Amino acid sequence: MNHTEGAESPRSAGAEQPEIVGARQAQKQQSRRALLDAGLRLLADQNLASLGVREVTRAAGLSPAAFYRHFPDLAALGVALVEESLASLHLMIRSVLVGEGGAEELIDRAVDVIQRHVRENRAHVRFLARERHGGVRRVREAIDAELGRFAAEVGAALGLQPVSAGWSEGDLRMLAELYVDHMVSTAAAFLEALEAQEADPGREGRIAATARLQLRLISVGRRHWQGS
């Protein structure tokens, strides 16, 4: 008698084949991406509080059941969009603030980076600007938490610069929050200018000039700060 007859093959026994698992994982990521993209598109004309699951899944070409395999509710989708929207801005702005060069060069670079980021990520910036004070509490809290972590990172980086010698941790955090708040409000202003480009084509230039002046004011104040 052949003792191997009827026995499972090594490939069929135990876990699924790696290629099958990989395909399922790729499909899962594709579905999640479709839901995030659909939500972002729909949020161009409304806020998250007015959005429905069926509306999102219809736009994504998925069933409502598929939505709940990725997110427990729409607030969770909003939180995921917050993390995605702020991730790239974090990296760019942090690299500017801790980069080499004089104060004027860093200021010009920061404003240019913000302006370019808004042009390339208009939907994400619009979402953040609207939901930062929107009606979904968990999303507002997620935005505040992300900006808080960003300010902490920036504050730590600023503390390494010679001009910050002798500054307290609280003063460094205050300075970092000034920079972060200024950059977020500047991004929102650039977005408004882009949305109204035909009505006022020179608005972006004026926003950039004002943003540079405001950053110079912060920079001058920093050099002469005596501590809180």
Protein backbone atom coordinates (compact mmCIF):
# COMPACT_ATOMS: atom_id res chain seq x y z
CA MET A 1 0.00 0.00 0.00
CA ASN A 2 1.22 3.50 -0.87
CA HIS A 3 1.33 5.37 2.44
CA THR A 4 1.35 8.73 0.63
CA GLU A 5 -1.97 8.06 -1.04
CA GLY A 6 -4.60 10.51 0.17
CA ALA A 7 -2.09 12.56 2.15
CA GLU A 8 -2.01 16.30 1.75
CA SER A 9 0.83 17.71 -0.33
CA PRO A 10 3.30 20.04 1.42
CA ARG A 11 1.88 23.02 -0.51
CA SER A 12 -1.74 22.28 0.42
CA ALA A 13 -1.13 21.54 4.07
CA GLY A 14 -1.08 24.36 6.59
CA ALA A 15 -1.03 27.98 5.47
CA GLU A 16 -2.22 29.24 2.11
CA GLN A 17 0.26 29.64 -0.68
CA PRO A 18 2.21 32.92 -0.43
CA GLU A 19 1.03 34.12 -3.85
CA ILE A 20 -2.61 33.74 -2.80
CA VAL A 21 -2.04 35.60 0.46
CA GLY A 22 -0.16 38.32 -1.42
CA ALA A 23 -2.96 38.71 -3.97
CA ARG A 24 -5.58 39.01 -1.23
CA GLN A 25 -3.49 41.58 0.61
CA ALA A 26 -3.03 43.60 -2.57
CA GLN A 27 -6.77 43.48 -3.24
CA LYS A 28 -7.47 44.61 0.33
CA GLN A 29 -5.10 47.55 -0.02
CA GLN A 30 -6.64 48.43 -3.39
CA SER A 31 -10.14 48.49 -1.86
CA ARG A 32 -8.98 50.64 1.05
CA ARG A 33 -7.30 53.04 -1.38
CA ALA A 34 -10.48 53.24 -3.44
CA LEU A 35 -12.51 54.16 -0.35
CA LEU A 36 -10.04 56.87 0.72
CA ASP A 37 -9.92 58.35 -2.78
CA ALA A 38 -13.69 58.29 -3.09
CA GLY A 39 -14.11 59.96 0.29
CA LEU A 40 -11.60 62.66 -0.61
CA ARG A 41 -13.36 63.37 -3.91
CA LEU A 42 -16.76 63.64 -2.25
CA LEU A 43 -15.36 65.89 0.49
CA ALA A 44 -14.40 68.47 -2.10
CA ASP A 45 -18.00 69.71 -2.00
CA GLN A 46 -19.20 68.80 1.50
CA ASN A 47 -17.98 68.08 5.00
CA LEU A 48 -17.53 64.68 6.61
CA ALA A 49 -20.54 65.07 8.92
CA SER A 50 -22.86 65.16 5.90
CA LEU A 51 -21.31 62.16 4.14
CA GLY A 52 -22.88 58.68 4.12
CA VAL A 53 -21.30 55.23 3.87
CA ARG A 54 -23.42 54.28 0.86
CA GLU A 55 -22.37 57.47 -0.90
CA VAL A 56 -18.69 56.63 -0.39
CA THR A 57 -19.00 52.98 -1.42
CA ARG A 58 -21.02 53.89 -4.51
CA ALA A 59 -18.29 56.32 -5.57
CA ALA A 60 -15.62 53.67 -4.87
CA GLY A 61 -17.50 50.93 -6.76
CA LEU A 62 -17.72 48.76 -3.64
CA SER A 63 -20.46 47.40 -1.40
CA PRO A 64 -21.27 48.88 2.04
CA ALA A 65 -20.10 45.58 3.55
CA ALA A 66 -16.68 46.16 1.98
CA PHE A 67 -16.45 49.54 3.72
CA TYR A 68 -16.82 47.96 7.16
CA ARG A 69 -14.03 45.50 6.46
CA HIS A 70 -11.69 48.52 6.44
CA PHE A 71 -13.30 51.15 8.68
CA PRO A 72 -15.76 50.85 11.58
CA ASP A 73 -17.37 54.16 10.61
CA LEU A 74 -16.86 57.32 8.57
CA ALA A 75 -14.99 59.02 11.40
CA ALA A 76 -12.30 56.32 11.11
CA LEU A 77 -12.02 57.01 7.40
CA GLY A 78 -11.66 60.70 8.23
CA VAL A 79 -8.87 59.97 10.73
CA ALA A 80 -7.04 57.95 8.07
CA LEU A 81 -7.33 60.91 5.69
CA VAL A 82 -5.93 63.20 8.39
CA GLU A 83 -2.84 61.01 8.79
CA GLU A 84 -2.40 60.81 5.04
CA SER A 85 -2.95 64.55 4.49
CA LEU A 86 -0.40 65.66 7.07
CA ALA A 87 2.30 63.05 6.47
CA SER A 88 3.96 64.63 3.45
CA LEU A 89 3.60 68.17 4.80
CA HIS A 90 5.34 67.09 8.02
CA LEU A 91 8.36 65.81 6.12
CA MET A 92 8.70 68.85 3.89
CA ILE A 93 8.27 71.54 6.53
CA ARG A 94 10.52 69.80 9.04
CA SER A 95 13.26 69.58 6.42
CA VAL A 96 12.92 73.30 5.74
CA LEU A 97 13.00 74.39 9.38
CA VAL A 98 16.05 72.32 10.25
CA GLY A 99 17.82 72.86 6.93
CA GLU A 100 20.98 74.80 6.35
CA GLY A 101 21.07 78.41 5.24
CA GLY A 102 20.39 81.87 6.57
CA ALA A 103 17.08 83.01 8.01
CA GLU A 104 16.00 84.75 4.80
CA GLU A 105 16.80 81.69 2.71
CA LEU A 106 14.89 79.39 5.06
CA ILE A 107 11.87 81.70 5.05
CA ASP A 108 11.76 81.87 1.26
CA ARG A 109 12.15 78.11 1.05
CA ALA A 110 9.37 77.50 3.59
CA VAL A 111 6.86 79.65 1.74
CA ASP A 112 7.78 78.07 -1.60
CA VAL A 113 7.38 74.58 -0.13
CA ILE A 114 3.94 75.39 1.28
CA GLN A 115 2.77 76.94 -1.97
CA ARG A 116 3.97 73.96 -4.00
CA HIS A 117 2.45 71.50 -1.53
CA VAL A 118 -0.97 73.15 -1.80
CA ARG A 119 -0.83 73.08 -5.61
CA GLU A 120 0.10 69.37 -5.62
CA ASN A 121 -2.24 68.27 -2.79
CA ARG A 122 -5.21 70.57 -3.10
CA ALA A 123 -7.79 67.96 -2.06
CA HIS A 124 -5.90 67.04 1.10
CA VAL A 125 -5.37 70.66 2.10
CA ARG A 126 -9.04 71.45 1.49
CA PHE A 127 -10.05 68.50 3.64
CA LEU A 128 -7.84 69.62 6.54
CA ALA A 129 -8.92 73.25 6.32
CA ARG A 130 -12.60 72.27 6.44
CA GLU A 131 -12.45 69.49 9.01
CA ARG A 132 -10.08 71.21 11.45
CA HIS A 133 -13.15 73.05 12.75
CA GLY A 134 -15.74 70.63 11.37
CA GLY A 135 -18.53 68.68 12.99
CA VAL A 136 -16.80 65.32 13.55
CA ARG A 137 -15.09 65.42 16.91
CA ARG A 138 -12.74 62.47 16.39
CA VAL A 139 -11.42 64.01 13.20
CA ARG A 140 -10.90 67.41 14.86
CA GLU A 141 -9.04 65.70 17.69
CA ALA A 142 -6.94 63.72 15.21
CA ILE A 143 -5.92 66.91 13.41
CA ASP A 144 -5.04 68.63 16.69
CA ALA A 145 -3.05 65.59 17.84
CA GLU A 146 -1.11 65.36 14.58
CA LEU A 147 -0.32 69.08 14.64
CA GLY A 148 0.71 68.74 18.28
CA ARG A 149 3.13 65.92 17.44
CA PHE A 150 4.44 67.98 14.54
CA ALA A 151 5.03 70.97 16.84
CA ALA A 152 6.90 68.74 19.31
CA GLU A 153 9.18 67.46 16.54
CA VAL A 154 9.81 70.98 15.22
CA GLY A 155 10.47 72.26 18.74
CA ALA A 156 13.06 69.56 19.34
CA ALA A 157 14.78 70.42 16.06
CA LEU A 158 14.74 74.16 16.81
CA GLY A 159 16.28 73.46 20.20
CA LEU A 160 19.40 72.13 18.49
CA GLN A 161 20.07 75.43 16.73
CA PRO A 162 22.58 77.87 18.33
CA VAL A 163 20.06 80.72 18.36
CA SER A 164 17.92 78.67 20.78
CA ALA A 165 20.66 78.36 23.40
CA GLY A 166 19.21 78.87 26.87
CA TRP A 167 15.59 78.56 25.75
CA SER A 168 13.23 76.63 28.00
CA GLU A 169 11.29 73.64 26.71
CA GLY A 170 8.06 75.63 27.02
CA ASP A 171 9.42 78.54 24.99
CA LEU A 172 10.66 76.19 22.27
CA ARG A 173 7.23 74.56 22.13
CA MET A 174 5.60 77.99 21.86
CA LEU A 175 7.91 78.93 18.98
CA ALA A 176 7.25 75.64 17.21
CA GLU A 177 3.49 76.11 17.53
CA LEU A 178 3.84 79.62 16.07
CA TYR A 179 5.60 78.18 13.03
CA VAL A 180 3.16 75.30 12.61
CA ASP A 181 0.04 77.48 13.02
CA HIS A 182 1.46 80.02 10.59
CA MET A 183 2.18 77.36 7.99
CA VAL A 184 -1.24 75.76 8.30
CA SER A 185 -3.00 79.13 7.95
CA THR A 186 -0.75 80.04 5.01
CA ALA A 187 -1.63 76.76 3.29
CA ALA A 188 -5.34 77.50 3.79
CA ALA A 189 -4.85 80.99 2.34
CA PHE A 190 -3.04 79.60 -0.72
CA LEU A 191 -5.90 77.12 -1.20
CA GLU A 192 -8.47 79.93 -1.16
CA ALA A 193 -6.38 81.83 -3.70
CA LEU A 194 -6.21 78.83 -6.02
CA GLU A 195 -9.97 78.32 -5.78
CA ALA A 196 -10.49 81.98 -6.75
CA GLN A 197 -7.69 82.17 -9.32
CA GLU A 198 -9.83 83.57 -12.13
CA ALA A 199 -11.33 86.27 -9.91
CA ASP A 200 -7.97 87.46 -8.54
CA PRO A 201 -4.88 86.06 -10.31
CA GLY A 202 -2.47 88.14 -8.18
CA ARG A 203 -3.74 86.89 -4.84
CA GLU A 204 -1.20 84.07 -4.48
CA GLY A 205 1.69 86.50 -4.83
CA ARG A 206 0.30 88.76 -2.12
CA ILE A 207 -0.22 85.82 0.22
CA ALA A 208 3.37 84.68 -0.33
CA ALA A 209 4.71 88.18 0.36
CA THR A 210 2.66 88.50 3.56
CA ALA A 211 3.71 85.03 4.73
CA ARG A 212 7.39 85.93 4.28
CA LEU A 213 6.98 89.16 6.26
CA GLN A 214 5.22 87.34 9.08
CA LEU A 215 7.95 84.68 9.24
CA ARG A 216 10.59 87.41 9.31
CA LEU A 217 8.77 89.00 12.24
CA ILE A 218 8.82 85.67 14.10
CA SER A 219 12.52 85.28 13.26
CA VAL A 220 13.39 88.76 14.56
CA GLY A 221 11.43 88.13 17.74
CA ARG A 222 13.21 84.83 18.21
CA ARG A 223 16.65 86.46 18.08
CA HIS A 224 15.70 88.99 20.75
CA TRP A 225 13.61 86.76 23.01
CA GLN A 226 14.65 86.92 26.67
CA GLY A 227 12.51 84.05 27.90
CA SER A 228 9.03 83.79 29.34
